[in-house]
Amino acid sequence: GWAVFCRDGDKIIWGDALFKPNDADSVRAILHYLYGYMDVKGVSFIECWFSSRPLWWDAILRSLEFRNETEPNDLHFCIHNGTDEATPGRLADSFYYTMGDSDLF
């Protein structure tokens, strides 16, 4: 897997990630490496913005004690689907996005 981080004051922002399904060990290894690589003195937390899909990814994050909270600016993901009636269901089941997919990171 891979991940992209940056430091912003007292937090580390986890902006993007891509891992194989059910590979929590790789996620743990990257976070462990992060704490050894970056100057984390004074860091209070890691902030990230991931979709709740796929479910296996959300389960990995929760197993690492990440929790769902409202985005600090109360932003929400939006997409215009045109006239394709199947798009909302398809997106609800499988669309994956991160802060790195936005202009916020």
PDB file of N, CA and C in Angstrom:
ATOM      1  N   GLY A   1       0.820  -1.191   0.000  1.00  0.00           N
ATOM      2  CA  GLY A   1       0.000   0.000   0.000  1.00  0.00           C
ATOM      3  C   GLY A   1       0.855   1.242   0.000  1.00  0.00           C
ATOM      4  N   TRP A   2       0.196   2.374  -0.120  1.00  0.00           N
ATOM      5  CA  TRP A   2       0.901   3.642  -0.029  1.00  0.00           C
ATOM      6  C   TRP A   2      -0.018   4.670   0.598  1.00  0.00           C
ATOM      7  N   ALA A   3       0.599   5.715   1.125  1.00  0.00           N
ATOM      8  CA  ALA A   3      -0.148   6.784   1.768  1.00  0.00           C
ATOM      9  C   ALA A   3       0.613   8.088   1.611  1.00  0.00           C
ATOM     10  N   VAL A   4      -0.108   9.196   1.690  1.00  0.00           N
ATOM     11  CA  VAL A   4       0.476  10.525   1.571  1.00  0.00           C
ATOM     12  C   VAL A   4       0.092  11.319   2.812  1.00  0.00           C
ATOM     13  N   PHE A   5       1.099  11.905   3.463  1.00  0.00           N
ATOM     14  CA  PHE A   5       0.892  12.666   4.684  1.00  0.00           C
ATOM     15  C   PHE A   5       1.553  14.033   4.563  1.00  0.00           C
ATOM     16  N   CYS A   6       1.072  14.981   5.336  1.00  0.00           N
ATOM     17  CA  CYS A   6       1.770  16.246   5.521  1.00  0.00           C
ATOM     18  C   CYS A   6       1.500  16.719   6.943  1.00  0.00           C
ATOM     19  N   ARG A   7       2.377  17.552   7.429  1.00  0.00           N
ATOM     20  CA  ARG A   7       2.190  18.079   8.773  1.00  0.00           C
ATOM     21  C   ARG A   7       1.638  19.491   8.672  1.00  0.00           C
ATOM     22  N   ASP A   8       0.658  19.790   9.541  1.00  0.00           N
ATOM     23  CA  ASP A   8       0.052  21.116   9.614  1.00  0.00           C
ATOM     24  C   ASP A   8      -0.083  21.474  11.089  1.00  0.00           C
ATOM     25  N   GLY A   9       0.887  22.200  11.605  1.00  0.00           N
ATOM     26  CA  GLY A   9       0.858  22.576  13.023  1.00  0.00           C
ATOM     27  C   GLY A   9       0.964  21.361  13.927  1.00  0.00           C
ATOM     28  N   ASP A  10      -0.062  21.165  14.768  1.00  0.00           N
ATOM     29  CA  ASP A  10      -0.029  20.064  15.731  1.00  0.00           C
ATOM     30  C   ASP A  10      -0.706  18.801  15.222  1.00  0.00           C
ATOM     31  N   LYS A  11      -0.963  18.746  13.911  1.00  0.00           N
ATOM     32  CA  LYS A  11      -1.604  17.545  13.366  1.00  0.00           C
ATOM     33  C   LYS A  11      -0.873  17.066  12.124  1.00  0.00           C
ATOM     34  N   ILE A  12      -1.035  15.794  11.858  1.00  0.00           N
ATOM     35  CA  ILE A  12      -0.597  15.206  10.600  1.00  0.00           C
ATOM     36  C   ILE A  12      -1.855  14.970   9.789  1.00  0.00           C
ATOM     37  N   ILE A  13      -1.845  15.416   8.556  1.00  0.00           N
ATOM     38  CA  ILE A  13      -2.988  15.197   7.676  1.00  0.00           C
ATOM     39  C   ILE A  13      -2.665  14.019   6.770  1.00  0.00           C
ATOM     40  N   TRP A  14      -3.529  13.021   6.807  1.00  0.00           N
ATOM     41  CA  TRP A  14      -3.401  11.840   5.959  1.00  0.00           C
ATOM     42  C   TRP A  14      -4.275  12.107   4.744  1.00  0.00           C
ATOM     43  N   GLY A  15      -3.660  12.507   3.655  1.00  0.00           N
ATOM     44  CA  GLY A  15      -4.404  13.006   2.511  1.00  0.00           C
ATOM     45  C   GLY A  15      -4.825  11.982   1.488  1.00  0.00           C
ATOM     46  N   ASP A  16      -4.109  10.867   1.408  1.00  0.00           N
ATOM     47  CA  ASP A  16      -4.455   9.881   0.381  1.00  0.00           C
ATOM     48  C   ASP A  16      -3.935   8.519   0.806  1.00  0.00           C
ATOM     49  N   ALA A  17      -4.580   7.474   0.330  1.00  0.00           N
ATOM     50  CA  ALA A  17      -4.172   6.109   0.674  1.00  0.00           C
ATOM     51  C   ALA A  17      -4.723   5.136  -0.359  1.00  0.00           C
ATOM     52  N   LEU A  18      -3.977   4.081  -0.571  1.00  0.00           N
ATOM     53  CA  LEU A  18      -4.416   3.009  -1.453  1.00  0.00           C
ATOM     54  C   LEU A  18      -3.796   1.715  -0.940  1.00  0.00           C
ATOM     55  N   PHE A  19      -4.630   0.798  -0.510  1.00  0.00           N
ATOM     56  CA  PHE A  19      -4.188  -0.476   0.052  1.00  0.00           C
ATOM     57  C   PHE A  19      -5.009  -1.610  -0.516  1.00  0.00           C
ATOM     58  N   LYS A  20      -4.474  -2.810  -0.400  1.00  0.00           N
ATOM     59  CA  LYS A  20      -5.212  -4.000  -0.787  1.00  0.00           C
ATOM     60  C   LYS A  20      -6.280  -4.299   0.259  1.00  0.00           C
ATOM     61  N   PRO A  21      -7.378  -4.912  -0.154  1.00  0.00           N
ATOM     62  CA  PRO A  21      -8.427  -5.251   0.806  1.00  0.00           C
ATOM     63  C   PRO A  21      -7.907  -6.104   1.965  1.00  0.00           C
ATOM     64  N   ASN A  22      -8.393  -5.791   3.129  1.00  0.00           N
ATOM     65  CA  ASN A  22      -8.111  -6.554   4.350  1.00  0.00           C
ATOM     66  C   ASN A  22      -6.631  -6.627   4.713  1.00  0.00           C
ATOM     67  N   ASP A  23      -5.852  -5.619   4.334  1.00  0.00           N
ATOM     68  CA  ASP A  23      -4.428  -5.625   4.634  1.00  0.00           C
ATOM     69  C   ASP A  23      -4.112  -4.620   5.739  1.00  0.00           C
ATOM     70  N   ALA A  24      -4.698  -4.833   6.892  1.00  0.00           N
ATOM     71  CA  ALA A  24      -4.497  -3.936   8.031  1.00  0.00           C
ATOM     72  C   ALA A  24      -3.030  -3.888   8.450  1.00  0.00           C
ATOM     73  N   ASP A  25      -2.297  -4.977   8.262  1.00  0.00           N
ATOM     74  CA  ASP A  25      -0.886  -4.990   8.652  1.00  0.00           C
ATOM     75  C   ASP A  25      -0.079  -3.949   7.873  1.00  0.00           C
ATOM     76  N   SER A  26      -0.380  -3.766   6.598  1.00  0.00           N
ATOM     77  CA  SER A  26       0.326  -2.757   5.803  1.00  0.00           C
ATOM     78  C   SER A  26      -0.020  -1.349   6.273  1.00  0.00           C
ATOM     79  N   VAL A  27      -1.267  -1.135   6.642  1.00  0.00           N
ATOM     80  CA  VAL A  27      -1.673   0.179   7.139  1.00  0.00           C
ATOM     81  C   VAL A  27      -0.953   0.464   8.453  1.00  0.00           C
ATOM     82  N   ARG A  28      -0.913  -0.519   9.341  1.00  0.00           N
ATOM     83  CA  ARG A  28      -0.185  -0.358  10.607  1.00  0.00           C
ATOM     84  C   ARG A  28       1.298  -0.063  10.351  1.00  0.00           C
ATOM     85  N   ALA A  29       1.888  -0.766   9.394  1.00  0.00           N
ATOM     86  CA  ALA A  29       3.306  -0.582   9.084  1.00  0.00           C
ATOM     87  C   ALA A  29       3.575   0.833   8.577  1.00  0.00           C
ATOM     88  N   ILE A  30       2.692   1.359   7.744  1.00  0.00           N
ATOM     89  CA  ILE A  30       2.887   2.725   7.229  1.00  0.00           C
ATOM     90  C   ILE A  30       2.766   3.739   8.361  1.00  0.00           C
ATOM     91  N   LEU A  31       1.794   3.544   9.248  1.00  0.00           N
ATOM     92  CA  LEU A  31       1.647   4.480  10.373  1.00  0.00           C
ATOM     93  C   LEU A  31       2.851   4.387  11.309  1.00  0.00           C
ATOM     94  N   HIS A  32       3.345   3.191  11.524  1.00  0.00           N
ATOM     95  CA  HIS A  32       4.536   3.010  12.357  1.00  0.00           C
ATOM     96  C   HIS A  32       5.738   3.707  11.706  1.00  0.00           C
ATOM     97  N   TYR A  33       5.891   3.540  10.419  1.00  0.00           N
ATOM     98  CA  TYR A  33       6.976   4.199   9.683  1.00  0.00           C
ATOM     99  C   TYR A  33       6.838   5.718   9.773  1.00  0.00           C
ATOM    100  N   LEU A  34       5.611   6.210   9.636  1.00  0.00           N
ATOM    101  CA  LEU A  34       5.348   7.641   9.719  1.00  0.00           C
ATOM    102  C   LEU A  34       5.889   8.219  11.020  1.00  0.00           C
ATOM    103  N   TYR A  35       5.608   7.550  12.119  1.00  0.00           N
ATOM    104  CA  TYR A  35       6.053   8.060  13.413  1.00  0.00           C
ATOM    105  C   TYR A  35       7.569   7.985  13.577  1.00  0.00           C
ATOM    106  N   GLY A  36       8.213   7.126  12.836  1.00  0.00           N
ATOM    107  CA  GLY A  36       9.660   7.069  12.878  1.00  0.00           C
ATOM    108  C   GLY A  36      10.325   8.025  11.900  1.00  0.00           C
ATOM    109  N   TYR A  37       9.620   8.415  10.868  1.00  0.00           N
ATOM    110  CA  TYR A  37      10.182   9.223   9.792  1.00  0.00           C
ATOM    111  C   TYR A  37       9.964  10.721  10.004  1.00  0.00           C
ATOM    112  N   MET A  38       8.734  11.109  10.273  1.00  0.00           N
ATOM    113  CA  MET A  38       8.413  12.526  10.428  1.00  0.00           C
ATOM    114  C   MET A  38       8.756  13.006  11.830  1.00  0.00           C
ATOM    115  N   ASP A  39       9.052  14.272  11.939  1.00  0.00           N
ATOM    116  CA  ASP A  39       9.237  14.880  13.253  1.00  0.00           C
ATOM    117  C   ASP A  39       7.843  15.029  13.861  1.00  0.00           C
ATOM    118  N   VAL A  40       7.487  14.131  14.744  1.00  0.00           N
ATOM    119  CA  VAL A  40       6.134  14.123  15.302  1.00  0.00           C
ATOM    120  C   VAL A  40       6.056  14.776  16.681  1.00  0.00           C
ATOM    121  N   LYS A  41       7.139  15.383  17.117  1.00  0.00           N
ATOM    122  CA  LYS A  41       7.100  16.083  18.394  1.00  0.00           C
ATOM    123  C   LYS A  41       6.031  17.179  18.323  1.00  0.00           C
ATOM    124  N   GLY A  42       5.128  17.177  19.292  1.00  0.00           N
ATOM    125  CA  GLY A  42       4.059  18.170  19.329  1.00  0.00           C
ATOM    126  C   GLY A  42       2.834  17.817  18.515  1.00  0.00           C
ATOM    127  N   VAL A  43       2.833  16.683  17.828  1.00  0.00           N
ATOM    128  CA  VAL A  43       1.670  16.265  17.054  1.00  0.00           C
ATOM    129  C   VAL A  43       0.616  15.701  18.004  1.00  0.00           C
ATOM    130  N   SER A  44      -0.613  16.198  17.878  1.00  0.00           N
ATOM    131  CA  SER A  44      -1.705  15.757  18.745  1.00  0.00           C
ATOM    132  C   SER A  44      -2.537  14.644  18.128  1.00  0.00           C
ATOM    133  N   PHE A  45      -2.655  14.655  16.807  1.00  0.00           N
ATOM    134  CA  PHE A  45      -3.522  13.670  16.165  1.00  0.00           C
ATOM    135  C   PHE A  45      -3.244  13.594  14.671  1.00  0.00           C
ATOM    136  N   ILE A  46      -3.811  12.564  14.058  1.00  0.00           N
ATOM    137  CA  ILE A  46      -3.803  12.405  12.603  1.00  0.00           C
ATOM    138  C   ILE A  46      -5.220  12.682  12.128  1.00  0.00           C
ATOM    139  N   GLU A  47      -5.346  13.577  11.170  1.00  0.00           N
ATOM    140  CA  GLU A  47      -6.642  13.895  10.578  1.00  0.00           C
ATOM    141  C   GLU A  47      -6.683  13.280   9.188  1.00  0.00           C
ATOM    142  N   CYS A  48      -7.792  12.648   8.859  1.00  0.00           N
ATOM    143  CA  CYS A  48      -7.951  12.091   7.516  1.00  0.00           C
ATOM    144  C   CYS A  48      -9.404  12.232   7.083  1.00  0.00           C
ATOM    145  N   TRP A  49      -9.609  12.138   5.792  1.00  0.00           N
ATOM    146  CA  TRP A  49     -10.942  12.290   5.219  1.00  0.00           C
ATOM    147  C   TRP A  49     -11.105  11.207   4.161  1.00  0.00           C
ATOM    148  N   PHE A  50     -11.735  10.112   4.559  1.00  0.00           N
ATOM    149  CA  PHE A  50     -11.957   8.982   3.660  1.00  0.00           C
ATOM    150  C   PHE A  50     -13.442   8.684   3.571  1.00  0.00           C
ATOM    151  N   SER A  51     -13.839   8.112   2.471  1.00  0.00           N
ATOM    152  CA  SER A  51     -15.222   7.661   2.345  1.00  0.00           C
ATOM    153  C   SER A  51     -15.436   6.458   3.254  1.00  0.00           C
ATOM    154  N   SER A  52     -16.669   6.177   3.571  1.00  0.00           N
ATOM    155  CA  SER A  52     -16.969   5.003   4.401  1.00  0.00           C
ATOM    156  C   SER A  52     -17.000   3.728   3.568  1.00  0.00           C
ATOM    157  N   ARG A  53     -16.769   3.840   2.301  1.00  0.00           N
ATOM    158  CA  ARG A  53     -16.702   2.702   1.401  1.00  0.00           C
ATOM    159  C   ARG A  53     -15.292   2.612   0.846  1.00  0.00           C
ATOM    160  N   PRO A  54     -14.822   1.468   0.596  1.00  0.00           N
ATOM    161  CA  PRO A  54     -15.450   0.169   0.858  1.00  0.00           C
ATOM    162  C   PRO A  54     -15.453  -0.155   2.358  1.00  0.00           C
ATOM    163  N   LEU A  55     -16.355  -1.025   2.731  1.00  0.00           N
ATOM    164  CA  LEU A  55     -16.520  -1.364   4.146  1.00  0.00           C
ATOM    165  C   LEU A  55     -15.252  -1.917   4.771  1.00  0.00           C
ATOM    166  N   TRP A  56     -14.456  -2.691   4.005  1.00  0.00           N
ATOM    167  CA  TRP A  56     -13.229  -3.255   4.570  1.00  0.00           C
ATOM    168  C   TRP A  56     -12.245  -2.153   4.944  1.00  0.00           C
ATOM    169  N   TRP A  57     -12.206  -1.061   4.174  1.00  0.00           N
ATOM    170  CA  TRP A  57     -11.299   0.040   4.478  1.00  0.00           C
ATOM    171  C   TRP A  57     -11.753   0.753   5.755  1.00  0.00           C
ATOM    172  N   ASP A  58     -13.034   1.003   5.856  1.00  0.00           N
ATOM    173  CA  ASP A  58     -13.578   1.627   7.058  1.00  0.00           C
ATOM    174  C   ASP A  58     -13.299   0.753   8.284  1.00  0.00           C
ATOM    175  N   ALA A  59     -13.411  -0.556   8.138  1.00  0.00           N
ATOM    176  CA  ALA A  59     -13.144  -1.470   9.256  1.00  0.00           C
ATOM    177  C   ALA A  59     -11.671  -1.407   9.682  1.00  0.00           C
ATOM    178  N   ILE A  60     -10.760  -1.306   8.729  1.00  0.00           N
ATOM    179  CA  ILE A  60      -9.338  -1.183   9.067  1.00  0.00           C
ATOM    180  C   ILE A  60      -9.105   0.100   9.853  1.00  0.00           C
ATOM    181  N   LEU A  61      -9.645   1.213   9.377  1.00  0.00           N
ATOM    182  CA  LEU A  61      -9.455   2.486  10.077  1.00  0.00           C
ATOM    183  C   LEU A  61     -10.024   2.431  11.493  1.00  0.00           C
ATOM    184  N   ARG A  62     -11.188   1.840  11.640  1.00  0.00           N
ATOM    185  CA  ARG A  62     -11.795   1.731  12.975  1.00  0.00           C
ATOM    186  C   ARG A  62     -10.966   0.812  13.875  1.00  0.00           C
ATOM    187  N   SER A  63     -10.389  -0.243  13.314  1.00  0.00           N
ATOM    188  CA  SER A  63      -9.563  -1.143  14.118  1.00  0.00           C
ATOM    189  C   SER A  63      -8.302  -0.438  14.617  1.00  0.00           C
ATOM    190  N   LEU A  64      -7.896   0.623  13.931  1.00  0.00           N
ATOM    191  CA  LEU A  64      -6.737   1.416  14.332  1.00  0.00           C
ATOM    192  C   LEU A  64      -7.150   2.621  15.181  1.00  0.00           C
ATOM    193  N   GLU A  65      -8.392   2.602  15.609  1.00  0.00           N
ATOM    194  CA  GLU A  65      -8.974   3.609  16.509  1.00  0.00           C
ATOM    195  C   GLU A  65      -9.196   4.978  15.870  1.00  0.00           C
ATOM    196  N   PHE A  66      -9.277   5.014  14.535  1.00  0.00           N
ATOM    197  CA  PHE A  66      -9.756   6.224  13.876  1.00  0.00           C
ATOM    198  C   PHE A  66     -11.265   6.244  14.052  1.00  0.00           C
ATOM    199  N   ARG A  67     -11.842   7.422  14.062  1.00  0.00           N
ATOM    200  CA  ARG A  67     -13.289   7.517  14.242  1.00  0.00           C
ATOM    201  C   ARG A  67     -13.874   8.508  13.245  1.00  0.00           C
ATOM    202  N   ASN A  68     -15.135   8.299  12.933  1.00  0.00           N
ATOM    203  CA  ASN A  68     -15.840   9.197  12.028  1.00  0.00           C
ATOM    204  C   ASN A  68     -16.269  10.449  12.785  1.00  0.00           C
ATOM    205  N   GLU A  69     -15.980  11.584  12.198  1.00  0.00           N
ATOM    206  CA  GLU A  69     -16.408  12.868  12.737  1.00  0.00           C
ATOM    207  C   GLU A  69     -16.833  13.742  11.572  1.00  0.00           C
ATOM    208  N   THR A  70     -17.561  14.785  11.871  1.00  0.00           N
ATOM    209  CA  THR A  70     -17.947  15.744  10.847  1.00  0.00           C
ATOM    210  C   THR A  70     -16.699  16.472  10.353  1.00  0.00           C
ATOM    211  N   GLU A  71     -16.597  16.670   9.070  1.00  0.00           N
ATOM    212  CA  GLU A  71     -15.485  17.413   8.501  1.00  0.00           C
ATOM    213  C   GLU A  71     -15.481  18.799   9.151  1.00  0.00           C
ATOM    214  N   PRO A  72     -14.302  19.320   9.552  1.00  0.00           N
ATOM    215  CA  PRO A  72     -14.253  20.574  10.314  1.00  0.00           C
ATOM    216  C   PRO A  72     -14.992  21.759   9.685  1.00  0.00           C
ATOM    217  N   ASN A  73     -15.058  21.808   8.365  1.00  0.00           N
ATOM    218  CA  ASN A  73     -15.782  22.891   7.681  1.00  0.00           C
ATOM    219  C   ASN A  73     -17.180  22.463   7.260  1.00  0.00           C
ATOM    220  N   ASP A  74     -17.617  21.285   7.743  1.00  0.00           N
ATOM    221  CA  ASP A  74     -18.922  20.699   7.423  1.00  0.00           C
ATOM    222  C   ASP A  74     -19.105  20.512   5.911  1.00  0.00           C
ATOM    223  N   LEU A  75     -17.995  20.135   5.239  1.00  0.00           N
ATOM    224  CA  LEU A  75     -18.056  19.881   3.808  1.00  0.00           C
ATOM    225  C   LEU A  75     -18.602  18.481   3.549  1.00  0.00           C
ATOM    226  N   HIS A  76     -19.226  18.304   2.411  1.00  0.00           N
ATOM    227  CA  HIS A  76     -19.783  17.015   2.006  1.00  0.00           C
ATOM    228  C   HIS A  76     -19.404  16.760   0.559  1.00  0.00           C
ATOM    229  N   PHE A  77     -19.230  15.486   0.233  1.00  0.00           N
ATOM    230  CA  PHE A  77     -18.918  15.122  -1.141  1.00  0.00           C
ATOM    231  C   PHE A  77     -20.169  15.274  -1.995  1.00  0.00           C
ATOM    232  N   CYS A  78     -20.041  15.899  -3.150  1.00  0.00           N
ATOM    233  CA  CYS A  78     -21.165  16.084  -4.070  1.00  0.00           C
ATOM    234  C   CYS A  78     -20.731  15.678  -5.466  1.00  0.00           C
ATOM    235  N   ILE A  79     -21.668  15.148  -6.218  1.00  0.00           N
ATOM    236  CA  ILE A  79     -21.405  14.803  -7.611  1.00  0.00           C
ATOM    237  C   ILE A  79     -22.710  14.937  -8.385  1.00  0.00           C
ATOM    238  N   HIS A  80     -22.603  15.456  -9.568  1.00  0.00           N
ATOM    239  CA  HIS A  80     -23.780  15.570 -10.437  1.00  0.00           C
ATOM    240  C   HIS A  80     -23.818  14.325 -11.316  1.00  0.00           C
ATOM    241  N   ASN A  81     -24.899  13.580 -11.236  1.00  0.00           N
ATOM    242  CA  ASN A  81     -24.957  12.315 -11.965  1.00  0.00           C
ATOM    243  C   ASN A  81     -25.715  12.404 -13.276  1.00  0.00           C
ATOM    244  N   GLY A  82     -26.139  13.573 -13.681  1.00  0.00           N
ATOM    245  CA  GLY A  82     -26.852  13.697 -14.944  1.00  0.00           C
ATOM    246  C   GLY A  82     -28.176  12.972 -14.886  1.00  0.00           C
ATOM    247  N   THR A  83     -28.436  12.172 -15.887  1.00  0.00           N
ATOM    248  CA  THR A  83     -29.737  11.494 -15.964  1.00  0.00           C
ATOM    249  C   THR A  83     -29.629   9.985 -15.783  1.00  0.00           C
ATOM    250  N   ASP A  84     -28.456   9.482 -15.495  1.00  0.00           N
ATOM    251  CA  ASP A  84     -28.271   8.042 -15.320  1.00  0.00           C
ATOM    252  C   ASP A  84     -28.809   7.623 -13.950  1.00  0.00           C
ATOM    253  N   GLU A  85     -29.942   6.952 -13.928  1.00  0.00           N
ATOM    254  CA  GLU A  85     -30.587   6.581 -12.667  1.00  0.00           C
ATOM    255  C   GLU A  85     -29.804   5.527 -11.887  1.00  0.00           C
ATOM    256  N   ALA A  86     -28.898   4.808 -12.532  1.00  0.00           N
ATOM    257  CA  ALA A  86     -28.117   3.777 -11.844  1.00  0.00           C
ATOM    258  C   ALA A  86     -26.925   4.358 -11.093  1.00  0.00           C
ATOM    259  N   THR A  87     -26.504   5.560 -11.447  1.00  0.00           N
ATOM    260  CA  THR A  87     -25.290   6.140 -10.862  1.00  0.00           C
ATOM    261  C   THR A  87     -25.349   6.278  -9.343  1.00  0.00           C
ATOM    262  N   PRO A  88     -26.396   6.828  -8.744  1.00  0.00           N
ATOM    263  CA  PRO A  88     -26.385   6.972  -7.272  1.00  0.00           C
ATOM    264  C   PRO A  88     -26.183   5.654  -6.536  1.00  0.00           C
ATOM    265  N   GLY A  89     -26.809   4.594  -6.970  1.00  0.00           N
ATOM    266  CA  GLY A  89     -26.634   3.289  -6.330  1.00  0.00           C
ATOM    267  C   GLY A  89     -25.235   2.751  -6.498  1.00  0.00           C
ATOM    268  N   ARG A  90     -24.690   2.901  -7.700  1.00  0.00           N
ATOM    269  CA  ARG A  90     -23.325   2.448  -7.970  1.00  0.00           C
ATOM    270  C   ARG A  90     -22.331   3.211  -7.088  1.00  0.00           C
ATOM    271  N   LEU A  91     -22.507   4.512  -6.984  1.00  0.00           N
ATOM    272  CA  LEU A  91     -21.614   5.317  -6.164  1.00  0.00           C
ATOM    273  C   LEU A  91     -21.762   4.965  -4.681  1.00  0.00           C
ATOM    274  N   ALA A  92     -22.974   4.756  -4.230  1.00  0.00           N
ATOM    275  CA  ALA A  92     -23.205   4.434  -2.819  1.00  0.00           C
ATOM    276  C   ALA A  92     -22.545   3.121  -2.436  1.00  0.00           C
ATOM    277  N   ASP A  93     -22.443   2.191  -3.375  1.00  0.00           N
ATOM    278  CA  ASP A  93     -21.869   0.879  -3.084  1.00  0.00           C
ATOM    279  C   ASP A  93     -20.349   0.834  -3.189  1.00  0.00           C
ATOM    280  N   SER A  94     -19.744   1.658  -4.057  1.00  0.00           N
ATOM    281  CA  SER A  94     -18.338   1.404  -4.334  1.00  0.00           C
ATOM    282  C   SER A  94     -17.442   2.625  -4.510  1.00  0.00           C
ATOM    283  N   PHE A  95     -17.965   3.825  -4.551  1.00  0.00           N
ATOM    284  CA  PHE A  95     -17.117   4.979  -4.853  1.00  0.00           C
ATOM    285  C   PHE A  95     -16.227   5.308  -3.667  1.00  0.00           C
ATOM    286  N   TYR A  96     -14.934   5.344  -3.903  1.00  0.00           N
ATOM    287  CA  TYR A  96     -13.931   5.606  -2.872  1.00  0.00           C
ATOM    288  C   TYR A  96     -13.284   6.947  -3.148  1.00  0.00           C
ATOM    289  N   TYR A  97     -13.192   7.789  -2.143  1.00  0.00           N
ATOM    290  CA  TYR A  97     -12.531   9.070  -2.314  1.00  0.00           C
ATOM    291  C   TYR A  97     -11.814   9.467  -1.031  1.00  0.00           C
ATOM    292  N   THR A  98     -10.853  10.352  -1.192  1.00  0.00           N
ATOM    293  CA  THR A  98     -10.042  10.816  -0.056  1.00  0.00           C
ATOM    294  C   THR A  98      -9.910  12.330  -0.142  1.00  0.00           C
ATOM    295  N   MET A  99      -9.322  12.926   0.893  1.00  0.00           N
ATOM    296  CA  MET A  99      -9.051  14.354   0.864  1.00  0.00           C
ATOM    297  C   MET A  99      -8.136  14.680  -0.322  1.00  0.00           C
ATOM    298  N   GLY A 100      -7.254  13.752  -0.679  1.00  0.00           N
ATOM    299  CA  GLY A 100      -6.350  13.961  -1.800  1.00  0.00           C
ATOM    300  C   GLY A 100      -7.055  14.081  -3.139  1.00  0.00           C
ATOM    301  N   ASP A 101      -8.309  13.648  -3.201  1.00  0.00           N
ATOM    302  CA  ASP A 101      -9.070  13.774  -4.439  1.00  0.00           C
ATOM    303  C   ASP A 101      -9.765  15.130  -4.556  1.00  0.00           C
ATOM    304  N   SER A 102      -9.554  15.979  -3.558  1.00  0.00           N
ATOM    305  CA  SER A 102     -10.200  17.292  -3.551  1.00  0.00           C
ATOM    306  C   SER A 102      -9.149  18.382  -3.695  1.00  0.00           C
ATOM    307  N   ASP A 103      -9.587  19.606  -3.652  1.00  0.00           N
ATOM    308  CA  ASP A 103      -8.674  20.753  -3.676  1.00  0.00           C
ATOM    309  C   ASP A 103      -8.217  21.126  -2.273  1.00  0.00           C
ATOM    310  N   LEU A 104      -8.564  20.318  -1.276  1.00  0.00           N
ATOM    311  CA  LEU A 104      -8.255  20.636   0.112  1.00  0.00           C
ATOM    312  C   LEU A 104      -6.883  20.147   0.543  1.00  0.00           C
ATOM    313  N   PHE A 105      -6.245  19.310  -0.257  1.00  0.00           N
ATOM    314  CA  PHE A 105      -4.970  18.717   0.154  1.00  0.00           C
ATOM    315  C   PHE A 105      -3.885  19.070  -0.842  1.00  0.00           C
TER     316      PHE A 105
END
